[in-house]
PDB file of N, CA and C in Angstrom:
ATOM      1  N   MET A   1      -6.364   7.679  13.691  1.00  0.00           N
ATOM      2  CA  MET A   1      -5.476   7.218  12.620  1.00  0.00           C
ATOM      3  C   MET A   1      -5.390   8.302  11.549  1.00  0.00           C
ATOM      4  N   GLU A   2      -4.229   8.438  10.990  1.00  0.00           N
ATOM      5  CA  GLU A   2      -4.017   9.438   9.958  1.00  0.00           C
ATOM      6  C   GLU A   2      -4.857   9.127   8.723  1.00  0.00           C
ATOM      7  N   GLY A   3      -5.262  10.165   8.000  1.00  0.00           N
ATOM      8  CA  GLY A   3      -6.134  10.014   6.848  1.00  0.00           C
ATOM      9  C   GLY A   3      -5.603   9.103   5.763  1.00  0.00           C
ATOM     10  N   ARG A   4      -4.327   9.291   5.393  1.00  0.00           N
ATOM     11  CA  ARG A   4      -3.772   8.491   4.300  1.00  0.00           C
ATOM     12  C   ARG A   4      -3.705   7.009   4.678  1.00  0.00           C
ATOM     13  N   LYS A   5      -3.281   6.727   5.895  1.00  0.00           N
ATOM     14  CA  LYS A   5      -3.212   5.338   6.339  1.00  0.00           C
ATOM     15  C   LYS A   5      -4.604   4.711   6.370  1.00  0.00           C
ATOM     16  N   HIS A   6      -5.577   5.497   6.777  1.00  0.00           N
ATOM     17  CA  HIS A   6      -6.960   5.010   6.806  1.00  0.00           C
ATOM     18  C   HIS A   6      -7.421   4.631   5.392  1.00  0.00           C
ATOM     19  N   LEU A   7      -7.095   5.458   4.400  1.00  0.00           N
ATOM     20  CA  LEU A   7      -7.474   5.169   3.019  1.00  0.00           C
ATOM     21  C   LEU A   7      -6.805   3.894   2.509  1.00  0.00           C
ATOM     22  N   ILE A   8      -5.558   3.689   2.878  1.00  0.00           N
ATOM     23  CA  ILE A   8      -4.833   2.483   2.466  1.00  0.00           C
ATOM     24  C   ILE A   8      -5.473   1.250   3.096  1.00  0.00           C
ATOM     25  N   ILE A   9      -5.747   1.314   4.389  1.00  0.00           N
ATOM     26  CA  ILE A   9      -6.386   0.190   5.081  1.00  0.00           C
ATOM     27  C   ILE A   9      -7.755  -0.091   4.471  1.00  0.00           C
ATOM     28  N   GLU A  10      -8.509   0.956   4.223  1.00  0.00           N
ATOM     29  CA  GLU A  10      -9.842   0.810   3.640  1.00  0.00           C
ATOM     30  C   GLU A  10      -9.769   0.094   2.289  1.00  0.00           C
ATOM     31  N   PHE A  11      -8.821   0.481   1.458  1.00  0.00           N
ATOM     32  CA  PHE A  11      -8.659  -0.156   0.147  1.00  0.00           C
ATOM     33  C   PHE A  11      -8.287  -1.630   0.298  1.00  0.00           C
ATOM     34  N   ILE A  12      -7.298  -1.922   1.133  1.00  0.00           N
ATOM     35  CA  ILE A  12      -6.860  -3.310   1.314  1.00  0.00           C
ATOM     36  C   ILE A  12      -8.003  -4.165   1.848  1.00  0.00           C
ATOM     37  N   CYS A  13      -8.714  -3.664   2.838  1.00  0.00           N
ATOM     38  CA  CYS A  13      -9.815  -4.428   3.420  1.00  0.00           C
ATOM     39  C   CYS A  13     -10.947  -4.637   2.421  1.00  0.00           C
ATOM     40  N   LYS A  14     -11.231  -3.637   1.626  1.00  0.00           N
ATOM     41  CA  LYS A  14     -12.299  -3.744   0.626  1.00  0.00           C
ATOM     42  C   LYS A  14     -11.972  -4.823  -0.398  1.00  0.00           C
ATOM     43  N   VAL A  15     -10.762  -4.793  -0.920  1.00  0.00           N
ATOM     44  CA  VAL A  15     -10.379  -5.737  -1.965  1.00  0.00           C
ATOM     45  C   VAL A  15     -10.204  -7.148  -1.417  1.00  0.00           C
ATOM     46  N   THR A  16      -9.670  -7.271  -0.215  1.00  0.00           N
ATOM     47  CA  THR A  16      -9.388  -8.598   0.353  1.00  0.00           C
ATOM     48  C   THR A  16     -10.545  -9.146   1.176  1.00  0.00           C
ATOM     49  N   ARG A  17     -11.535  -8.302   1.436  1.00  0.00           N
ATOM     50  CA  ARG A  17     -12.695  -8.657   2.270  1.00  0.00           C
ATOM     51  C   ARG A  17     -12.294  -9.002   3.704  1.00  0.00           C
ATOM     52  N   LYS A  18     -11.176  -8.475   4.110  1.00  0.00           N
ATOM     53  CA  LYS A  18     -10.731  -8.639   5.499  1.00  0.00           C
ATOM     54  C   LYS A  18     -11.311  -7.484   6.304  1.00  0.00           C
ATOM     55  N   LYS A  19     -11.747  -7.758   7.513  1.00  0.00           N
ATOM     56  CA  LYS A  19     -12.391  -6.733   8.322  1.00  0.00           C
ATOM     57  C   LYS A  19     -11.425  -5.682   8.837  1.00  0.00           C
ATOM     58  N   GLN A  20     -10.208  -6.089   9.150  1.00  0.00           N
ATOM     59  CA  GLN A  20      -9.257  -5.156   9.755  1.00  0.00           C
ATOM     60  C   GLN A  20      -7.833  -5.639   9.541  1.00  0.00           C
ATOM     61  N   ILE A  21      -6.920  -4.691   9.406  1.00  0.00           N
ATOM     62  CA  ILE A  21      -5.488  -5.009   9.413  1.00  0.00           C
ATOM     63  C   ILE A  21      -4.791  -3.974  10.280  1.00  0.00           C
ATOM     64  N   GLN A  22      -3.665  -4.371  10.819  1.00  0.00           N
ATOM     65  CA  GLN A  22      -2.878  -3.490  11.680  1.00  0.00           C
ATOM     66  C   GLN A  22      -1.868  -2.721  10.838  1.00  0.00           C
ATOM     67  N   LEU A  23      -1.419  -1.594  11.358  1.00  0.00           N
ATOM     68  CA  LEU A  23      -0.476  -0.737  10.632  1.00  0.00           C
ATOM     69  C   LEU A  23       0.840  -1.438  10.325  1.00  0.00           C
ATOM     70  N   ASP A  24       1.292  -2.326  11.208  1.00  0.00           N
ATOM     71  CA  ASP A  24       2.562  -3.024  11.013  1.00  0.00           C
ATOM     72  C   ASP A  24       2.389  -4.484  10.621  1.00  0.00           C
ATOM     73  N   GLU A  25       1.185  -4.870  10.240  1.00  0.00           N
ATOM     74  CA  GLU A  25       0.921  -6.254   9.837  1.00  0.00           C
ATOM     75  C   GLU A  25       1.477  -6.493   8.432  1.00  0.00           C
ATOM     76  N   ASP A  26       2.269  -7.549   8.282  1.00  0.00           N
ATOM     77  CA  ASP A  26       2.846  -7.903   6.982  1.00  0.00           C
ATOM     78  C   ASP A  26       1.748  -8.510   6.111  1.00  0.00           C
ATOM     79  N   ILE A  27       1.302  -7.743   5.128  1.00  0.00           N
ATOM     80  CA  ILE A  27       0.159  -8.191   4.338  1.00  0.00           C
ATOM     81  C   ILE A  27       0.520  -9.293   3.344  1.00  0.00           C
ATOM     82  N   PHE A  28       1.794  -9.466   3.040  1.00  0.00           N
ATOM     83  CA  PHE A  28       2.200 -10.550   2.146  1.00  0.00           C
ATOM     84  C   PHE A  28       2.439 -11.828   2.933  1.00  0.00           C
ATOM     85  N   GLU A  29       3.210 -11.714   3.993  1.00  0.00           N
ATOM     86  CA  GLU A  29       3.525 -12.892   4.806  1.00  0.00           C
ATOM     87  C   GLU A  29       2.266 -13.469   5.448  1.00  0.00           C
ATOM     88  N   GLY A  30       1.352 -12.599   5.827  1.00  0.00           N
ATOM     89  CA  GLY A  30       0.114 -13.049   6.461  1.00  0.00           C
ATOM     90  C   GLY A  30      -0.890 -13.660   5.504  1.00  0.00           C
ATOM     91  N   GLY A  31      -0.551 -13.679   4.210  1.00  0.00           N
ATOM     92  CA  GLY A  31      -1.441 -14.278   3.230  1.00  0.00           C
ATOM     93  C   GLY A  31      -2.655 -13.413   2.895  1.00  0.00           C
ATOM     94  N   ILE A  32      -2.620 -12.165   3.317  1.00  0.00           N
ATOM     95  CA  ILE A  32      -3.743 -11.273   3.062  1.00  0.00           C
ATOM     96  C   ILE A  32      -3.806 -10.925   1.580  1.00  0.00           C
ATOM     97  N   VAL A  33      -2.650 -10.691   0.977  1.00  0.00           N
ATOM     98  CA  VAL A  33      -2.597 -10.310  -0.430  1.00  0.00           C
ATOM     99  C   VAL A  33      -1.579 -11.161  -1.179  1.00  0.00           C
ATOM    100  N   ASN A  34      -1.669 -11.106  -2.497  1.00  0.00           N
ATOM    101  CA  ASN A  34      -0.710 -11.808  -3.339  1.00  0.00           C
ATOM    102  C   ASN A  34      -0.164 -10.835  -4.382  1.00  0.00           C
ATOM    103  N   SER A  35       0.627 -11.333  -5.293  1.00  0.00           N
ATOM    104  CA  SER A  35       1.263 -10.451  -6.265  1.00  0.00           C
ATOM    105  C   SER A  35       0.255  -9.791  -7.207  1.00  0.00           C
ATOM    106  N   LEU A  36      -0.843 -10.459  -7.512  1.00  0.00           N
ATOM    107  CA  LEU A  36      -1.869  -9.839  -8.362  1.00  0.00           C
ATOM    108  C   LEU A  36      -2.510  -8.651  -7.653  1.00  0.00           C
ATOM    109  N   PHE A  37      -2.769  -8.819  -6.359  1.00  0.00           N
ATOM    110  CA  PHE A  37      -3.315  -7.706  -5.599  1.00  0.00           C
ATOM    111  C   PHE A  37      -2.317  -6.560  -5.534  1.00  0.00           C
ATOM    112  N   ALA A  38      -1.044  -6.886  -5.497  1.00  0.00           N
ATOM    113  CA  ALA A  38      -0.015  -5.852  -5.417  1.00  0.00           C
ATOM    114  C   ALA A  38      -0.129  -4.887  -6.593  1.00  0.00           C
ATOM    115  N   MET A  39      -0.450  -5.394  -7.770  1.00  0.00           N
ATOM    116  CA  MET A  39      -0.604  -4.516  -8.929  1.00  0.00           C
ATOM    117  C   MET A  39      -1.836  -3.626  -8.777  1.00  0.00           C
ATOM    118  N   GLN A  40      -2.913  -4.166  -8.222  1.00  0.00           N
ATOM    119  CA  GLN A  40      -4.100  -3.347  -7.938  1.00  0.00           C
ATOM    120  C   GLN A  40      -3.734  -2.237  -6.957  1.00  0.00           C
ATOM    121  N   LEU A  41      -2.947  -2.591  -5.964  1.00  0.00           N
ATOM    122  CA  LEU A  41      -2.520  -1.624  -4.954  1.00  0.00           C
ATOM    123  C   LEU A  41      -1.678  -0.515  -5.590  1.00  0.00           C
ATOM    124  N   VAL A  42      -0.763  -0.886  -6.464  1.00  0.00           N
ATOM    125  CA  VAL A  42       0.072   0.108  -7.145  1.00  0.00           C
ATOM    126  C   VAL A  42      -0.803   1.081  -7.931  1.00  0.00           C
ATOM    127  N   LEU A  43      -1.754   0.570  -8.675  1.00  0.00           N
ATOM    128  CA  LEU A  43      -2.644   1.434  -9.465  1.00  0.00           C
ATOM    129  C   LEU A  43      -3.459   2.356  -8.570  1.00  0.00           C
ATOM    130  N   PHE A  44      -3.956   1.810  -7.456  1.00  0.00           N
ATOM    131  CA  PHE A  44      -4.709   2.621  -6.496  1.00  0.00           C
ATOM    132  C   PHE A  44      -3.843   3.750  -5.950  1.00  0.00           C
ATOM    133  N   LEU A  45      -2.626   3.427  -5.531  1.00  0.00           N
ATOM    134  CA  LEU A  45      -1.734   4.432  -4.942  1.00  0.00           C
ATOM    135  C   LEU A  45      -1.391   5.528  -5.951  1.00  0.00           C
ATOM    136  N   GLU A  46      -1.120   5.123  -7.184  1.00  0.00           N
ATOM    137  CA  GLU A  46      -0.790   6.116  -8.207  1.00  0.00           C
ATOM    138  C   GLU A  46      -1.960   7.066  -8.436  1.00  0.00           C
ATOM    139  N   LYS A  47      -3.136   6.509  -8.555  1.00  0.00           N
ATOM    140  CA  LYS A  47      -4.319   7.327  -8.848  1.00  0.00           C
ATOM    141  C   LYS A  47      -4.722   8.183  -7.645  1.00  0.00           C
ATOM    142  N   ARG A  48      -4.769   7.587  -6.477  1.00  0.00           N
ATOM    143  CA  ARG A  48      -5.278   8.266  -5.281  1.00  0.00           C
ATOM    144  C   ARG A  48      -4.330   9.341  -4.761  1.00  0.00           C
ATOM    145  N   PHE A  49      -3.016   9.070  -4.835  1.00  0.00           N
ATOM    146  CA  PHE A  49      -2.049   9.989  -4.240  1.00  0.00           C
ATOM    147  C   PHE A  49      -1.214  10.748  -5.269  1.00  0.00           C
ATOM    148  N   GLY A  50      -1.523  10.555  -6.553  1.00  0.00           N
ATOM    149  CA  GLY A  50      -0.854  11.316  -7.603  1.00  0.00           C
ATOM    150  C   GLY A  50       0.635  11.063  -7.703  1.00  0.00           C
ATOM    151  N   ILE A  51       1.034   9.813  -7.493  1.00  0.00           N
ATOM    152  CA  ILE A  51       2.454   9.469  -7.588  1.00  0.00           C
ATOM    153  C   ILE A  51       2.672   8.550  -8.783  1.00  0.00           C
ATOM    154  N   ARG A  52       3.909   8.445  -9.204  1.00  0.00           N
ATOM    155  CA  ARG A  52       4.285   7.550 -10.294  1.00  0.00           C
ATOM    156  C   ARG A  52       5.195   6.483  -9.710  1.00  0.00           C
ATOM    157  N   ILE A  53       4.791   5.227  -9.859  1.00  0.00           N
ATOM    158  CA  ILE A  53       5.570   4.114  -9.315  1.00  0.00           C
ATOM    159  C   ILE A  53       6.232   3.398 -10.479  1.00  0.00           C
ATOM    160  N   SER A  54       7.558   3.363 -10.459  1.00  0.00           N
ATOM    161  CA  SER A  54       8.316   2.743 -11.550  1.00  0.00           C
ATOM    162  C   SER A  54       8.753   1.333 -11.158  1.00  0.00           C
ATOM    163  N   GLY A  55       9.337   0.651 -12.109  1.00  0.00           N
ATOM    164  CA  GLY A  55       9.802  -0.713 -11.879  1.00  0.00           C
ATOM    165  C   GLY A  55      10.775  -0.830 -10.720  1.00  0.00           C
ATOM    166  N   LYS A  56      11.643   0.171 -10.572  1.00  0.00           N
ATOM    167  CA  LYS A  56      12.628   0.118  -9.479  1.00  0.00           C
ATOM    168  C   LYS A  56      11.969   0.240  -8.109  1.00  0.00           C
ATOM    169  N   ASP A  57      10.739   0.771  -8.067  1.00  0.00           N
ATOM    170  CA  ASP A  57      10.013   0.922  -6.803  1.00  0.00           C
ATOM    171  C   ASP A  57       9.300  -0.358  -6.375  1.00  0.00           C
ATOM    172  N   LEU A  58       9.155  -1.306  -7.292  1.00  0.00           N
ATOM    173  CA  LEU A  58       8.355  -2.497  -7.035  1.00  0.00           C
ATOM    174  C   LEU A  58       9.112  -3.531  -6.211  1.00  0.00           C
ATOM    175  N   LYS A  59       9.437  -3.114  -5.002  1.00  0.00           N
ATOM    176  CA  LYS A  59      10.099  -3.993  -4.040  1.00  0.00           C
ATOM    177  C   LYS A  59       9.099  -4.274  -2.929  1.00  0.00           C
ATOM    178  N   GLN A  60       9.021  -5.517  -2.526  1.00  0.00           N
ATOM    179  CA  GLN A  60       8.031  -5.886  -1.512  1.00  0.00           C
ATOM    180  C   GLN A  60       8.180  -5.071  -0.235  1.00  0.00           C
ATOM    181  N   VAL A  61       9.390  -4.671   0.079  1.00  0.00           N
ATOM    182  CA  VAL A  61       9.640  -3.895   1.293  1.00  0.00           C
ATOM    183  C   VAL A  61       8.838  -2.585   1.286  1.00  0.00           C
ATOM    184  N   ASN A  62       8.581  -2.017   0.113  1.00  0.00           N
ATOM    185  CA  ASN A  62       7.818  -0.777   0.014  1.00  0.00           C
ATOM    186  C   ASN A  62       6.326  -0.965   0.283  1.00  0.00           C
ATOM    187  N   PHE A  63       5.858  -2.199   0.190  1.00  0.00           N
ATOM    188  CA  PHE A  63       4.423  -2.472   0.259  1.00  0.00           C
ATOM    189  C   PHE A  63       4.057  -3.501   1.325  1.00  0.00           C
ATOM    190  N   ARG A  64       5.000  -3.859   2.172  1.00  0.00           N
ATOM    191  CA  ARG A  64       4.800  -4.945   3.131  1.00  0.00           C
ATOM    192  C   ARG A  64       3.772  -4.623   4.220  1.00  0.00           C
ATOM    193  N   THR A  65       3.755  -3.383   4.700  1.00  0.00           N
ATOM    194  CA  THR A  65       2.820  -2.975   5.757  1.00  0.00           C
ATOM    195  C   THR A  65       2.192  -1.634   5.386  1.00  0.00           C
ATOM    196  N   VAL A  66       1.131  -1.279   6.065  1.00  0.00           N
ATOM    197  CA  VAL A  66       0.508   0.027   5.839  1.00  0.00           C
ATOM    198  C   VAL A  66       1.506   1.135   6.162  1.00  0.00           C
ATOM    199  N   ASN A  67       2.247   0.987   7.245  1.00  0.00           N
ATOM    200  CA  ASN A  67       3.252   1.993   7.584  1.00  0.00           C
ATOM    201  C   ASN A  67       4.317   2.114   6.495  1.00  0.00           C
ATOM    202  N   ALA A  68       4.763   0.981   5.937  1.00  0.00           N
ATOM    203  CA  ALA A  68       5.767   1.005   4.872  1.00  0.00           C
ATOM    204  C   ALA A  68       5.208   1.681   3.623  1.00  0.00           C
ATOM    205  N   ILE A  69       3.961   1.404   3.294  1.00  0.00           N
ATOM    206  CA  ILE A  69       3.322   2.029   2.136  1.00  0.00           C
ATOM    207  C   ILE A  69       3.251   3.539   2.344  1.00  0.00           C
ATOM    208  N   ASP A  70       2.871   3.949   3.541  1.00  0.00           N
ATOM    209  CA  ASP A  70       2.764   5.370   3.861  1.00  0.00           C
ATOM    210  C   ASP A  70       4.125   6.062   3.727  1.00  0.00           C
ATOM    211  N   GLU A  71       5.178   5.441   4.226  1.00  0.00           N
ATOM    212  CA  GLU A  71       6.528   6.002   4.111  1.00  0.00           C
ATOM    213  C   GLU A  71       6.968   6.061   2.653  1.00  0.00           C
ATOM    214  N   PHE A  72       6.617   5.036   1.896  1.00  0.00           N
ATOM    215  CA  PHE A  72       6.947   5.012   0.468  1.00  0.00           C
ATOM    216  C   PHE A  72       6.255   6.173  -0.262  1.00  0.00           C
ATOM    217  N   ILE A  73       4.987   6.401   0.048  1.00  0.00           N
ATOM    218  CA  ILE A  73       4.257   7.513  -0.567  1.00  0.00           C
ATOM    219  C   ILE A  73       4.948   8.834  -0.236  1.00  0.00           C
ATOM    220  N   ASP A  74       5.341   9.001   1.023  1.00  0.00           N
ATOM    221  CA  ASP A  74       6.081  10.214   1.411  1.00  0.00           C
ATOM    222  C   ASP A  74       7.316  10.407   0.539  1.00  0.00           C
ATOM    223  N   SER A  75       8.074   9.345   0.352  1.00  0.00           N
ATOM    224  CA  SER A  75       9.307   9.456  -0.434  1.00  0.00           C
ATOM    225  C   SER A  75       9.005   9.805  -1.884  1.00  0.00           C
ATOM    226  N   LYS A  76       7.928   9.274  -2.443  1.00  0.00           N
ATOM    227  CA  LYS A  76       7.560   9.598  -3.818  1.00  0.00           C
ATOM    228  C   LYS A  76       7.070  11.036  -3.937  1.00  0.00           C
ATOM    229  N   LEU A  77       6.326  11.511  -2.959  1.00  0.00           N
ATOM    230  CA  LEU A  77       5.845  12.876  -2.982  1.00  0.00           C
ATOM    231  C   LEU A  77       6.996  13.871  -2.859  1.00  0.00           C
ATOM    232  N   GLU A  78       8.031  13.508  -2.103  1.00  0.00           N
ATOM    233  CA  GLU A  78       9.202  14.371  -1.942  1.00  0.00           C
ATOM    234  C   GLU A  78       9.992  14.488  -3.245  1.00  0.00           C
ATOM    235  N   GLU A  79       9.905  13.472  -4.110  1.00  0.00           N
ATOM    236  CA  GLU A  79      10.605  13.490  -5.391  1.00  0.00           C
ATOM    237  C   GLU A  79      10.025  14.551  -6.314  1.00  0.00           C
ATOM    238  N   ASN A  80       8.751  14.845  -6.146  1.00  0.00           N
ATOM    239  CA  ASN A  80       8.058  15.773  -7.063  1.00  0.00           C
ATOM    240  C   ASN A  80       8.283  17.204  -6.724  1.00  0.00           C
TER     241      ASN A  80
END
């Protein structure tokens, strides 16, 4: 597994106390996380990957799966 995706999974599992999640698993629909966790996730992503997430970025589609989060990070890094 790629390093960045591993870090994202590790963070989600640590905070949610879930043992494992899949790369394409919908973390909102599956009840793994809620909107409060989403803010923790945003702060983690900003700090860990050096990106700035604005209000327009706060769409569930950007954070629905580990793969979606990874693609979102790519798009933010390309902006810089």
